[in-house]
Protein backbone atom coordinates (compact mmCIF):
# COMPACT_ATOMS: atom_id res chain seq x y z
CA MET A 1 0.05 -0.25 0.15
CA ALA A 2 1.57 3.11 -0.73
CA THR A 3 2.02 5.84 1.97
CA THR A 4 0.11 8.83 2.00
CA ARG A 5 1.21 12.23 3.28
CA GLY A 6 -0.41 13.74 6.82
CA ARG A 7 -0.57 9.94 8.42
CA ALA A 8 2.14 10.72 10.62
CA GLY A 9 2.29 7.24 11.95
CA THR A 10 2.56 5.81 8.67
CA LYS A 11 5.26 7.90 7.01
CA THR A 12 7.36 7.24 10.20
CA LYS A 13 7.09 3.72 9.79
CA ASP A 14 8.06 4.20 5.92
CA SER A 15 10.88 6.93 7.36
CA ARG A 16 12.36 4.16 9.22
CA THR A 17 12.09 1.54 6.51
CA ALA A 18 13.92 4.46 3.98
CA GLN A 19 16.44 4.26 6.36
CA ALA A 20 17.55 0.82 7.24
CA SER A 21 17.23 0.30 3.10
CA VAL A 22 20.06 2.90 2.61
CA ASN A 23 21.90 1.34 5.18
CA GLY A 24 23.30 -1.33 3.29
CA GLU A 25 22.58 -3.89 0.04
CA ALA A 26 22.69 -6.77 2.24
CA GLU A 27 19.58 -5.33 3.60
CA GLU A 28 17.85 -4.68 0.47
CA ALA A 29 18.03 -8.56 -0.47
CA ALA A 30 16.05 -9.07 2.50
CA PHE A 31 12.71 -7.41 1.94
CA SER A 32 9.99 -9.30 0.18
CA GLU A 33 9.09 -8.58 -3.62
CA GLU A 34 5.65 -7.16 -2.55
CA GLU A 35 7.72 -4.58 -0.75
CA TYR A 36 9.27 -3.66 -3.92
CA PHE A 37 6.26 -3.46 -6.31
CA GLN A 38 3.75 -1.56 -4.66
CA GLU A 39 0.85 0.30 -6.35
CA GLY A 40 1.77 4.16 -6.92
CA ARG A 41 5.56 3.69 -7.10
CA SER A 42 7.90 2.64 -9.59
CA TRP A 43 11.88 2.57 -9.86
CA TYR A 44 13.74 4.77 -11.64
CA VAL A 45 17.76 4.93 -12.79
CA VAL A 46 19.25 7.85 -11.67
CA HIS A 47 22.74 8.96 -13.12
CA THR A 48 25.38 9.96 -10.48
CA TYR A 49 29.13 11.38 -10.78
CA SER A 50 31.73 8.36 -11.17
CA GLY A 51 32.72 6.97 -7.72
CA TYR A 52 29.81 9.01 -6.06
CA GLU A 53 27.21 6.22 -6.17
CA ASN A 54 27.56 5.44 -2.09
CA LYS A 55 27.53 9.27 -1.61
CA VAL A 56 24.64 9.92 -3.89
CA ARG A 57 22.53 7.27 -1.53
CA THR A 58 23.55 8.75 1.70
CA ASN A 59 22.81 12.34 0.30
CA LEU A 60 19.47 11.33 -0.76
CA GLU A 61 18.76 10.15 2.55
CA HIS A 62 19.60 13.01 4.41
CA ARG A 63 17.38 15.14 1.83
CA VAL A 64 14.29 12.82 2.21
CA GLU A 65 14.48 12.84 6.25
CA SER A 66 15.13 17.24 6.01
CA MET A 67 12.64 17.69 3.54
CA ASP A 68 9.89 15.43 4.78
CA ALA A 69 9.96 13.46 1.51
CA SER A 70 9.38 9.76 3.00
CA ASP A 71 6.01 9.48 1.46
CA LEU A 72 7.84 10.49 -1.90
CA ILE A 73 10.95 8.51 -1.91
CA HIS A 74 10.99 5.12 -0.41
CA ARG A 75 14.25 2.81 -1.15
CA VAL A 76 17.67 3.82 -2.31
CA ILE A 77 19.59 1.03 -3.86
CA VAL A 78 23.38 1.03 -4.99
CA PRO A 79 23.41 -2.51 -6.81
CA THR A 80 26.50 -4.47 -6.24
CA VAL A 81 27.29 -8.24 -5.62
CA ASP A 82 29.86 -9.86 -4.09
CA GLU A 83 33.15 -11.61 -5.87
CA LEU A 84 36.02 -13.69 -5.43
CA GLU A 85 39.11 -12.45 -6.50
CA VAL A 86 42.81 -13.72 -5.82
CA HIS A 87 45.38 -10.88 -5.29
CA GLY A 88 49.07 -12.00 -4.24
CA GLY A 89 48.15 -15.58 -3.74
CA VAL A 90 45.40 -14.04 -1.43
CA ARG A 91 41.51 -14.99 -2.03
CA ARG A 92 39.30 -12.12 -0.82
CA THR A 93 35.78 -11.15 -1.18
CA VAL A 94 34.73 -7.58 -2.65
CA SER A 95 32.17 -6.12 -3.82
CA ARG A 96 31.22 -4.74 -7.02
CA LYS A 97 28.55 -2.47 -8.10
CA ILE A 98 26.92 -3.73 -11.11
CA PHE A 99 26.35 -0.58 -12.80
CA PRO A 100 28.79 1.76 -12.05
CA GLY A 101 27.40 5.22 -12.33
CA TYR A 102 24.12 4.71 -11.42
CA VAL A 103 21.83 4.44 -8.99
CA LEU A 104 17.96 2.91 -8.36
CA VAL A 105 15.17 5.21 -6.53
CA GLN A 106 11.89 3.86 -5.68
CA MET A 107 9.64 6.55 -5.69
CA THR A 108 6.05 7.76 -6.18
CA THR A 109 5.19 7.20 -10.09
CA LEU A 110 5.78 10.02 -11.85
CA GLU A 111 2.80 11.68 -13.60
CA GLU A 112 2.90 15.03 -15.64
CA ASN A 113 1.43 18.03 -14.16
CA ASP A 114 1.22 16.51 -10.37
CA PRO A 115 2.48 18.39 -8.06
CA GLU A 116 3.48 15.29 -5.61
CA SER A 117 5.86 13.94 -8.98
CA SER A 118 7.36 17.35 -9.56
CA ARG A 119 8.32 17.70 -5.56
CA ALA A 120 9.83 13.67 -5.81
CA TRP A 121 11.88 14.66 -9.31
CA PHE A 122 12.90 18.10 -7.42
CA VAL A 123 14.14 16.19 -4.27
CA VAL A 124 16.06 13.63 -6.39
CA ARG A 125 17.18 15.69 -9.51
CA ASN A 126 18.86 18.32 -6.82
CA THR A 127 20.57 15.46 -4.51
CA PRO A 128 24.33 16.51 -4.69
CA GLY A 129 26.17 14.18 -6.82
CA VAL A 130 23.18 13.45 -9.07
CA THR A 131 23.40 14.40 -13.29
CA GLY A 132 19.88 13.42 -14.06
CA PHE A 133 17.70 10.90 -14.45
CA VAL A 134 17.47 7.78 -16.82
CA GLY A 135 14.89 8.38 -19.72
CA SER A 136 13.36 9.60 -22.93
CA GLY A 137 14.49 13.10 -23.58
CA VAL A 138 13.75 15.25 -20.16
CA ARG A 139 11.39 12.66 -19.11
CA PRO A 140 12.51 10.22 -16.82
CA VAL A 141 11.20 6.80 -17.63
CA PRO A 142 10.51 3.80 -14.86
CA LEU A 143 12.18 0.29 -15.06
CA ASP A 144 10.37 -2.68 -16.04
CA GLU A 145 9.62 -4.80 -13.45
CA PRO A 146 11.29 -7.72 -14.82
CA ASP A 147 14.45 -5.80 -15.16
CA VAL A 148 14.24 -5.04 -11.59
CA LYS A 149 13.46 -8.37 -10.83
CA ARG A 150 16.48 -9.16 -12.77
CA ILE A 151 18.94 -6.85 -10.40
CA LEU A 152 17.31 -8.39 -7.74
CA ARG A 153 18.34 -11.73 -8.19
CA GLN A 154 21.71 -10.83 -9.03
CA MET A 155 22.36 -9.27 -5.91
CA ARG A 156 20.68 -11.94 -3.34
CA ALA A 157 23.29 -14.93 -4.99
CA GLU A 158 23.92 -16.86 -2.01
CA GLU A 159 27.76 -17.56 -3.20
CA PRO A 160 30.27 -14.88 -4.64
CA ARG A 161 31.19 -14.86 -8.02
CA VAL A 162 34.55 -15.32 -8.91
CA ARG A 163 35.90 -12.48 -10.60
CA VAL A 164 37.82 -13.49 -13.86
CA GLY A 165 41.04 -11.10 -14.06
CA PHE A 166 42.54 -12.83 -16.90
CA VAL A 167 41.60 -13.45 -21.09
CA GLU A 168 42.93 -15.96 -23.34
CA GLY A 169 46.50 -15.94 -24.32
CA GLN A 170 47.64 -14.21 -21.14
CA SER A 171 49.92 -15.00 -19.04
CA VAL A 172 49.18 -16.21 -15.47
CA ARG A 173 51.14 -17.73 -12.26
CA ILE A 174 49.42 -20.60 -10.71
CA VAL A 175 48.97 -20.08 -7.42
CA ASP A 176 47.76 -22.96 -5.55
CA GLY A 177 47.64 -26.89 -6.16
CA PRO A 178 50.30 -28.72 -7.31
CA PHE A 179 51.74 -26.57 -10.28
CA VAL A 180 52.05 -23.77 -7.91
CA ASP A 181 54.50 -21.11 -9.21
CA PHE A 182 54.33 -22.12 -12.35
CA VAL A 183 53.78 -19.30 -15.31
CA GLY A 184 51.28 -20.45 -18.08
CA VAL A 185 49.55 -19.10 -20.92
CA VAL A 186 46.04 -19.05 -20.96
CA ASP A 187 44.23 -21.71 -23.57
CA SER A 188 40.46 -21.48 -22.71
CA ILE A 189 38.28 -20.29 -20.29
CA ASP A 190 34.99 -22.12 -18.86
CA LEU A 191 32.56 -19.58 -17.17
CA ALA A 192 29.78 -22.34 -16.78
CA LYS A 193 31.88 -24.65 -14.80
CA GLY A 194 34.46 -22.13 -13.29
CA LYS A 195 37.64 -23.53 -14.80
CA VAL A 196 40.63 -22.36 -16.82
CA ARG A 197 43.08 -24.57 -19.20
CA VAL A 198 46.41 -23.29 -18.94
CA LEU A 199 49.19 -24.16 -21.32
CA VAL A 200 52.38 -24.75 -18.99
CA SER A 201 55.53 -25.52 -20.48
CA PHE A 202 57.47 -28.72 -18.55
CA PHE A 203 60.85 -29.65 -20.18
CA GLY A 204 60.08 -26.86 -23.39
CA ARG A 205 56.85 -28.95 -23.92
CA GLU A 206 53.51 -26.91 -22.98
CA THR A 207 51.24 -29.24 -21.20
CA PRO A 208 47.38 -28.28 -20.76
CA VAL A 209 46.65 -28.06 -17.33
CA GLU A 210 42.94 -27.88 -16.18
CA LEU A 211 42.64 -25.22 -12.75
CA ASP A 212 39.93 -23.55 -11.19
CA PHE A 213 39.56 -19.97 -11.57
CA LEU A 214 41.14 -18.99 -7.95
CA GLN A 215 44.07 -21.13 -8.49
CA VAL A 216 45.62 -18.50 -10.85
CA GLU A 217 46.55 -15.29 -11.19
CA ARG A 218 47.46 -13.00 -14.03
CA LEU A 219 50.94 -11.45 -13.67
């Protein structure tokens, strides 16, 4: 149910929900699908300065509070996924932005000649770090529901994805297993299986070795 203005109790609850939603992408994944798709609300893509995505999220959160606009702006998400990478032989989990330079905002559906829509647009568009809405011309266009669901599925992945930091023909070092410290050349990459075949030189002869992505790192 969309929140209406003037209902202080409801608006306070909605404000707390918005507050929780902007504190981290992990919390976003905990919301039910029904909360993401409600009548009178739509998801819009906002363009930001590069590297300012999290700052924009925080700035918009503050504006929602200071401008008493929790009934217009409901959720702000910087879509990210966790990835495993190997650096210096050490495995670590890193958070990668799915859409660098963009932030998703769930807000009241924008309509022409509507004062509430104009106010919601003003709150978001004039947030420091925001350069504009994504849309047709000057008119923001909301995301289709299937696109939002696809993004949410990416964020809700239970296991971190392996970041592939190499390409075919590139030299890599093996960092794990019986061939540790050997240097070879990537012959092929199997993204579905998470495997890479590396050509390693043994006594002057190239031999293919199949390894996990996390067993090699680029030079």
